[in-house]
Amino acid sequence: MRNLLIAALTLSAGPALATGLEIDVTGEAQGTITVDLFEDVAPQHVERITTLGEEGAYDNVVFHRVIDGFMAQTGDVEYGKEGGDMRMAGRGGSDLPDLPAEFSDRAFERGVVGMARSQSPDSANSQFFIMFDAAPFLDGQYTVVGQVTDGMDVVDSIKRGTGPNGAVIGQPDKMEEVRVIQ
């Protein structure tokens, strides 16, 4: 009987359901990107992204920095909303405190989602980026938070920026709606 009780408790206390995002993108890119979030690798960052996603904070936020062959960055819920002053996009975050780094041995490969930050490793907040290609120089320097599992064709279609910083000129693509999924 005791073993049956322990087995039942173990099953009920099993691993939490995997968390992910569905990101509907509009603009030059059209479609949905599905992301598997790595709560076992970066639990605080996953919690932040899912909190902001559930609040609708990411809805209508643009891809403000897009560098061909490198990555597409979004998630500035303070200055990156469609219709805002795009000169400020990329400088803001949420009203929540910055997060401490959660570095791992996960490599920055095509489709990996990482958290953007300033020079301080402990400054990630709401912004994230999706890799177009591998970037080993980011490994161990930025927090890996997830992986695109569907919709890389949509990622590949995101409007590119110009210049060394990848600033998007004109009308950038946006995350029209972001949904947290189990």
C-alpha atoms as a PDB file:
ATOM      1  CA  MET A   1       0.000   0.000   0.000  1.00  0.00           C
ATOM      2  CA  ARG A   2       2.829   2.374   0.901  1.00  0.00           C
ATOM      3  CA  ASN A   3       4.511   1.779  -2.490  1.00  0.00           C
ATOM      4  CA  LEU A   4       1.207   2.442  -4.278  1.00  0.00           C
ATOM      5  CA  LEU A   5       0.852   5.761  -2.421  1.00  0.00           C
ATOM      6  CA  ILE A   6       4.436   6.764  -3.263  1.00  0.00           C
ATOM      7  CA  ALA A   7       3.848   5.858  -6.937  1.00  0.00           C
ATOM      8  CA  ALA A   8       0.639   7.909  -7.025  1.00  0.00           C
ATOM      9  CA  LEU A   9       2.360  10.909  -5.434  1.00  0.00           C
ATOM     10  CA  THR A  10       5.274  10.609  -7.857  1.00  0.00           C
ATOM     11  CA  LEU A  11       2.930  10.549 -10.856  1.00  0.00           C
ATOM     12  CA  SER A  12       0.937  13.544  -9.611  1.00  0.00           C
ATOM     13  CA  ALA A  13       4.142  15.465  -8.913  1.00  0.00           C
ATOM     14  CA  GLY A  14       5.603  14.670 -12.330  1.00  0.00           C
ATOM     15  CA  PRO A  15       7.153  17.268 -14.589  1.00  0.00           C
ATOM     16  CA  ALA A  16       5.080  20.297 -15.462  1.00  0.00           C
ATOM     17  CA  LEU A  17       3.608  20.483 -18.923  1.00  0.00           C
ATOM     18  CA  ALA A  18       5.942  22.042 -21.446  1.00  0.00           C
ATOM     19  CA  THR A  19       5.272  25.698 -22.085  1.00  0.00           C
ATOM     20  CA  GLY A  20       5.461  27.401 -25.429  1.00  0.00           C
ATOM     21  CA  LEU A  21       4.372  30.380 -27.477  1.00  0.00           C
ATOM     22  CA  GLU A  22       2.385  30.855 -30.633  1.00  0.00           C
ATOM     23  CA  ILE A  23       3.340  34.147 -32.270  1.00  0.00           C
ATOM     24  CA  ASP A  24       1.133  35.465 -35.073  1.00  0.00           C
ATOM     25  CA  VAL A  25       3.299  37.674 -37.303  1.00  0.00           C
ATOM     26  CA  THR A  26       2.000  40.226 -39.804  1.00  0.00           C
ATOM     27  CA  GLY A  27       3.726  42.536 -42.264  1.00  0.00           C
ATOM     28  CA  GLU A  28       6.052  41.246 -44.968  1.00  0.00           C
ATOM     29  CA  ALA A  29       6.041  37.996 -43.013  1.00  0.00           C
ATOM     30  CA  GLN A  30       2.649  36.358 -42.538  1.00  0.00           C
ATOM     31  CA  GLY A  31       2.013  33.342 -40.358  1.00  0.00           C
ATOM     32  CA  THR A  32       2.512  31.742 -36.989  1.00  0.00           C
ATOM     33  CA  ILE A  33       5.762  30.892 -35.228  1.00  0.00           C
ATOM     34  CA  THR A  34       5.612  28.179 -32.558  1.00  0.00           C
ATOM     35  CA  VAL A  35       8.280  28.228 -29.845  1.00  0.00           C
ATOM     36  CA  ASP A  36       9.068  25.573 -27.250  1.00  0.00           C
ATOM     37  CA  LEU A  37      10.239  27.370 -24.098  1.00  0.00           C
ATOM     38  CA  PHE A  38      12.984  25.754 -21.997  1.00  0.00           C
ATOM     39  CA  GLU A  39      11.695  26.147 -18.432  1.00  0.00           C
ATOM     40  CA  ASP A  40      14.323  23.641 -17.271  1.00  0.00           C
ATOM     41  CA  VAL A  41      17.158  25.784 -18.711  1.00  0.00           C
ATOM     42  CA  ALA A  42      15.958  29.330 -17.960  1.00  0.00           C
ATOM     43  CA  PRO A  43      13.006  29.192 -15.535  1.00  0.00           C
ATOM     44  CA  GLN A  44      13.012  32.896 -14.612  1.00  0.00           C
ATOM     45  CA  HIS A  45      13.183  34.019 -18.238  1.00  0.00           C
ATOM     46  CA  VAL A  46      10.440  31.598 -19.294  1.00  0.00           C
ATOM     47  CA  GLU A  47       8.272  32.843 -16.442  1.00  0.00           C
ATOM     48  CA  ARG A  48       8.835  36.444 -17.607  1.00  0.00           C
ATOM     49  CA  ILE A  49       7.997  35.714 -21.242  1.00  0.00           C
ATOM     50  CA  THR A  50       4.883  33.741 -20.340  1.00  0.00           C
ATOM     51  CA  THR A  51       3.723  36.417 -17.881  1.00  0.00           C
ATOM     52  CA  LEU A  52       4.068  39.149 -20.511  1.00  0.00           C
ATOM     53  CA  GLY A  53       2.470  36.897 -23.138  1.00  0.00           C
ATOM     54  CA  GLU A  54      -0.519  36.107 -20.928  1.00  0.00           C
ATOM     55  CA  GLU A  55      -0.968  39.831 -20.144  1.00  0.00           C
ATOM     56  CA  GLY A  56      -1.029  40.660 -23.876  1.00  0.00           C
ATOM     57  CA  ALA A  57       2.044  42.887 -23.466  1.00  0.00           C
ATOM     58  CA  TYR A  58       3.686  41.423 -26.589  1.00  0.00           C
ATOM     59  CA  ASP A  59       0.669  41.997 -28.843  1.00  0.00           C
ATOM     60  CA  ASN A  60       1.436  44.499 -31.643  1.00  0.00           C
ATOM     61  CA  VAL A  61       5.133  44.734 -30.729  1.00  0.00           C
ATOM     62  CA  VAL A  62       7.404  45.131 -33.771  1.00  0.00           C
ATOM     63  CA  PHE A  63      10.568  43.372 -34.869  1.00  0.00           C
ATOM     64  CA  HIS A  64      12.737  46.486 -34.494  1.00  0.00           C
ATOM     65  CA  ARG A  65      16.200  44.994 -35.150  1.00  0.00           C
ATOM     66  CA  VAL A  66      16.597  42.407 -37.891  1.00  0.00           C
ATOM     67  CA  ILE A  67      20.028  41.476 -39.245  1.00  0.00           C
ATOM     68  CA  ASP A  68      20.132  39.159 -42.257  1.00  0.00           C
ATOM     69  CA  GLY A  69      22.052  35.950 -41.500  1.00  0.00           C
ATOM     70  CA  PHE A  70      21.992  36.695 -37.769  1.00  0.00           C
ATOM     71  CA  MET A  71      18.720  37.301 -35.907  1.00  0.00           C
ATOM     72  CA  ALA A  72      15.341  39.087 -35.586  1.00  0.00           C
ATOM     73  CA  GLN A  73      14.782  40.989 -32.317  1.00  0.00           C
ATOM     74  CA  THR A  74      11.455  41.990 -30.766  1.00  0.00           C
ATOM     75  CA  GLY A  75       9.773  42.232 -27.383  1.00  0.00           C
ATOM     76  CA  ASP A  76      10.233  45.891 -26.421  1.00  0.00           C
ATOM     77  CA  VAL A  77       6.864  46.235 -24.677  1.00  0.00           C
ATOM     78  CA  GLU A  78       7.691  49.790 -23.569  1.00  0.00           C
ATOM     79  CA  TYR A  79       8.716  51.467 -26.852  1.00  0.00           C
ATOM     80  CA  GLY A  80       8.177  48.816 -29.504  1.00  0.00           C
ATOM     81  CA  LYS A  81       4.405  48.905 -29.913  1.00  0.00           C
ATOM     82  CA  GLU A  82       3.160  49.499 -33.451  1.00  0.00           C
ATOM     83  CA  GLY A  83       2.492  53.195 -33.972  1.00  0.00           C
ATOM     84  CA  GLY A  84       5.055  54.280 -31.387  1.00  0.00           C
ATOM     85  CA  ASP A  85       8.280  56.223 -31.895  1.00  0.00           C
ATOM     86  CA  MET A  86      10.405  53.562 -33.589  1.00  0.00           C
ATOM     87  CA  ARG A  87      13.547  55.577 -32.836  1.00  0.00           C
ATOM     88  CA  MET A  88      13.100  54.438 -29.224  1.00  0.00           C
ATOM     89  CA  ALA A  89      12.318  50.787 -30.037  1.00  0.00           C
ATOM     90  CA  GLY A  90      14.903  48.486 -28.525  1.00  0.00           C
ATOM     91  CA  ARG A  91      15.669  50.735 -25.560  1.00  0.00           C
ATOM     92  CA  GLY A  92      12.837  49.636 -23.309  1.00  0.00           C
ATOM     93  CA  GLY A  93      11.540  46.705 -21.373  1.00  0.00           C
ATOM     94  CA  SER A  94       8.637  45.939 -19.098  1.00  0.00           C
ATOM     95  CA  ASP A  95       7.812  47.475 -15.729  1.00  0.00           C
ATOM     96  CA  LEU A  96       9.172  44.299 -14.093  1.00  0.00           C
ATOM     97  CA  PRO A  97      12.752  44.134 -12.744  1.00  0.00           C
ATOM     98  CA  ASP A  98      15.629  42.933 -14.918  1.00  0.00           C
ATOM     99  CA  LEU A  99      16.547  39.260 -14.675  1.00  0.00           C
ATOM    100  CA  PRO A 100      19.804  37.605 -13.623  1.00  0.00           C
ATOM    101  CA  ALA A 101      21.527  35.667 -16.402  1.00  0.00           C
ATOM    102  CA  GLU A 102      20.653  31.980 -16.772  1.00  0.00           C
ATOM    103  CA  PHE A 103      23.491  30.870 -19.028  1.00  0.00           C
ATOM    104  CA  SER A 104      23.582  27.263 -20.187  1.00  0.00           C
ATOM    105  CA  ASP A 105      25.487  24.994 -22.532  1.00  0.00           C
ATOM    106  CA  ARG A 106      22.753  25.354 -25.186  1.00  0.00           C
ATOM    107  CA  ALA A 107      24.209  26.627 -28.446  1.00  0.00           C
ATOM    108  CA  PHE A 108      22.856  29.576 -30.421  1.00  0.00           C
ATOM    109  CA  GLU A 109      21.836  27.723 -33.571  1.00  0.00           C
ATOM    110  CA  ARG A 110      19.226  28.388 -36.226  1.00  0.00           C
ATOM    111  CA  GLY A 111      15.785  28.786 -34.617  1.00  0.00           C
ATOM    112  CA  VAL A 112      17.070  29.285 -31.073  1.00  0.00           C
ATOM    113  CA  VAL A 113      15.347  32.020 -29.058  1.00  0.00           C
ATOM    114  CA  GLY A 114      17.557  34.097 -26.771  1.00  0.00           C
ATOM    115  CA  MET A 115      16.996  36.969 -24.388  1.00  0.00           C
ATOM    116  CA  ALA A 116      18.304  40.378 -25.410  1.00  0.00           C
ATOM    117  CA  ARG A 117      20.198  42.416 -22.835  1.00  0.00           C
ATOM    118  CA  SER A 118      22.464  45.424 -22.480  1.00  0.00           C
ATOM    119  CA  GLN A 119      26.176  45.152 -21.625  1.00  0.00           C
ATOM    120  CA  SER A 120      25.320  43.774 -18.181  1.00  0.00           C
ATOM    121  CA  PRO A 121      24.643  40.019 -18.253  1.00  0.00           C
ATOM    122  CA  ASP A 122      21.923  40.591 -15.634  1.00  0.00           C
ATOM    123  CA  SER A 123      19.869  43.091 -17.659  1.00  0.00           C
ATOM    124  CA  ALA A 124      17.452  40.932 -19.699  1.00  0.00           C
ATOM    125  CA  ASN A 125      13.848  42.033 -19.289  1.00  0.00           C
ATOM    126  CA  SER A 126      11.273  41.569 -22.061  1.00  0.00           C
ATOM    127  CA  GLN A 127      13.143  41.613 -25.372  1.00  0.00           C
ATOM    128  CA  PHE A 128      14.118  38.439 -27.178  1.00  0.00           C
ATOM    129  CA  PHE A 129      15.557  37.394 -30.523  1.00  0.00           C
ATOM    130  CA  ILE A 130      15.226  34.471 -32.924  1.00  0.00           C
ATOM    131  CA  MET A 131      18.312  33.182 -34.723  1.00  0.00           C
ATOM    132  CA  PHE A 132      18.392  33.001 -38.540  1.00  0.00           C
ATOM    133  CA  ASP A 133      21.664  31.079 -38.367  1.00  0.00           C
ATOM    134  CA  ALA A 134      24.211  29.785 -35.841  1.00  0.00           C
ATOM    135  CA  ALA A 135      26.168  32.376 -33.827  1.00  0.00           C
ATOM    136  CA  PRO A 136      28.654  30.540 -31.569  1.00  0.00           C
ATOM    137  CA  PHE A 137      30.046  33.845 -30.263  1.00  0.00           C
ATOM    138  CA  LEU A 138      26.761  34.205 -28.292  1.00  0.00           C
ATOM    139  CA  ASP A 139      27.131  30.804 -26.582  1.00  0.00           C
ATOM    140  CA  GLY A 140      27.419  31.205 -22.811  1.00  0.00           C
ATOM    141  CA  GLN A 141      27.044  34.993 -23.131  1.00  0.00           C
ATOM    142  CA  TYR A 142      23.250  35.259 -23.521  1.00  0.00           C
ATOM    143  CA  THR A 143      20.376  33.270 -22.032  1.00  0.00           C
ATOM    144  CA  VAL A 144      18.826  30.641 -24.321  1.00  0.00           C
ATOM    145  CA  VAL A 145      15.111  30.544 -23.592  1.00  0.00           C
ATOM    146  CA  GLY A 146      13.605  28.382 -26.337  1.00  0.00           C
ATOM    147  CA  GLN A 147      13.563  26.926 -29.840  1.00  0.00           C
ATOM    148  CA  VAL A 148      11.288  27.489 -32.835  1.00  0.00           C
ATOM    149  CA  THR A 149       9.501  24.201 -33.544  1.00  0.00           C
ATOM    150  CA  ASP A 150       7.298  25.421 -36.392  1.00  0.00           C
ATOM    151  CA  GLY A 151       7.220  28.512 -38.585  1.00  0.00           C
ATOM    152  CA  MET A 152      10.880  29.060 -39.460  1.00  0.00           C
ATOM    153  CA  ASP A 153       9.615  30.001 -42.913  1.00  0.00           C
ATOM    154  CA  VAL A 154       7.791  32.899 -41.207  1.00  0.00           C
ATOM    155  CA  VAL A 155      10.953  33.867 -39.307  1.00  0.00           C
ATOM    156  CA  ASP A 156      12.917  33.794 -42.571  1.00  0.00           C
ATOM    157  CA  SER A 157      10.371  36.184 -44.136  1.00  0.00           C
ATOM    158  CA  ILE A 158      10.600  38.899 -41.439  1.00  0.00           C
ATOM    159  CA  LYS A 159      11.458  42.282 -42.941  1.00  0.00           C
ATOM    160  CA  ARG A 160      15.201  42.931 -42.699  1.00  0.00           C
ATOM    161  CA  GLY A 161      16.745  46.032 -41.242  1.00  0.00           C
ATOM    162  CA  THR A 162      19.602  48.091 -42.623  1.00  0.00           C
ATOM    163  CA  GLY A 163      23.029  49.113 -41.421  1.00  0.00           C
ATOM    164  CA  PRO A 164      25.224  47.386 -38.863  1.00  0.00           C
ATOM    165  CA  ASN A 165      22.547  47.615 -36.139  1.00  0.00           C
ATOM    166  CA  GLY A 166      19.786  46.186 -38.338  1.00  0.00           C
ATOM    167  CA  ALA A 167      17.279  48.988 -37.664  1.00  0.00           C
ATOM    168  CA  VAL A 168      14.089  48.389 -39.618  1.00  0.00           C
ATOM    169  CA  ILE A 169      13.113  51.373 -41.762  1.00  0.00           C
ATOM    170  CA  GLY A 170       9.491  52.117 -42.654  1.00  0.00           C
ATOM    171  CA  GLN A 171       6.833  49.694 -41.469  1.00  0.00           C
ATOM    172  CA  PRO A 172       8.388  46.816 -39.491  1.00  0.00           C
ATOM    173  CA  ASP A 173       6.766  43.414 -39.149  1.00  0.00           C
ATOM    174  CA  LYS A 174       5.035  42.826 -35.823  1.00  0.00           C
ATOM    175  CA  MET A 175       3.856  40.185 -33.413  1.00  0.00           C
ATOM    176  CA  GLU A 176       0.138  40.754 -33.867  1.00  0.00           C
ATOM    177  CA  GLU A 177      -0.772  38.312 -31.109  1.00  0.00           C
ATOM    178  CA  VAL A 178       1.268  36.132 -28.751  1.00  0.00           C
ATOM    179  CA  ARG A 179      -0.382  33.177 -27.042  1.00  0.00           C
ATOM    180  CA  VAL A 180       1.056  31.013 -24.257  1.00  0.00           C
ATOM    181  CA  ILE A 181       0.418  27.317 -24.933  1.00  0.00           C
ATOM    182  CA  GLN A 182       0.863  24.118 -22.951  1.00  0.00           C
END
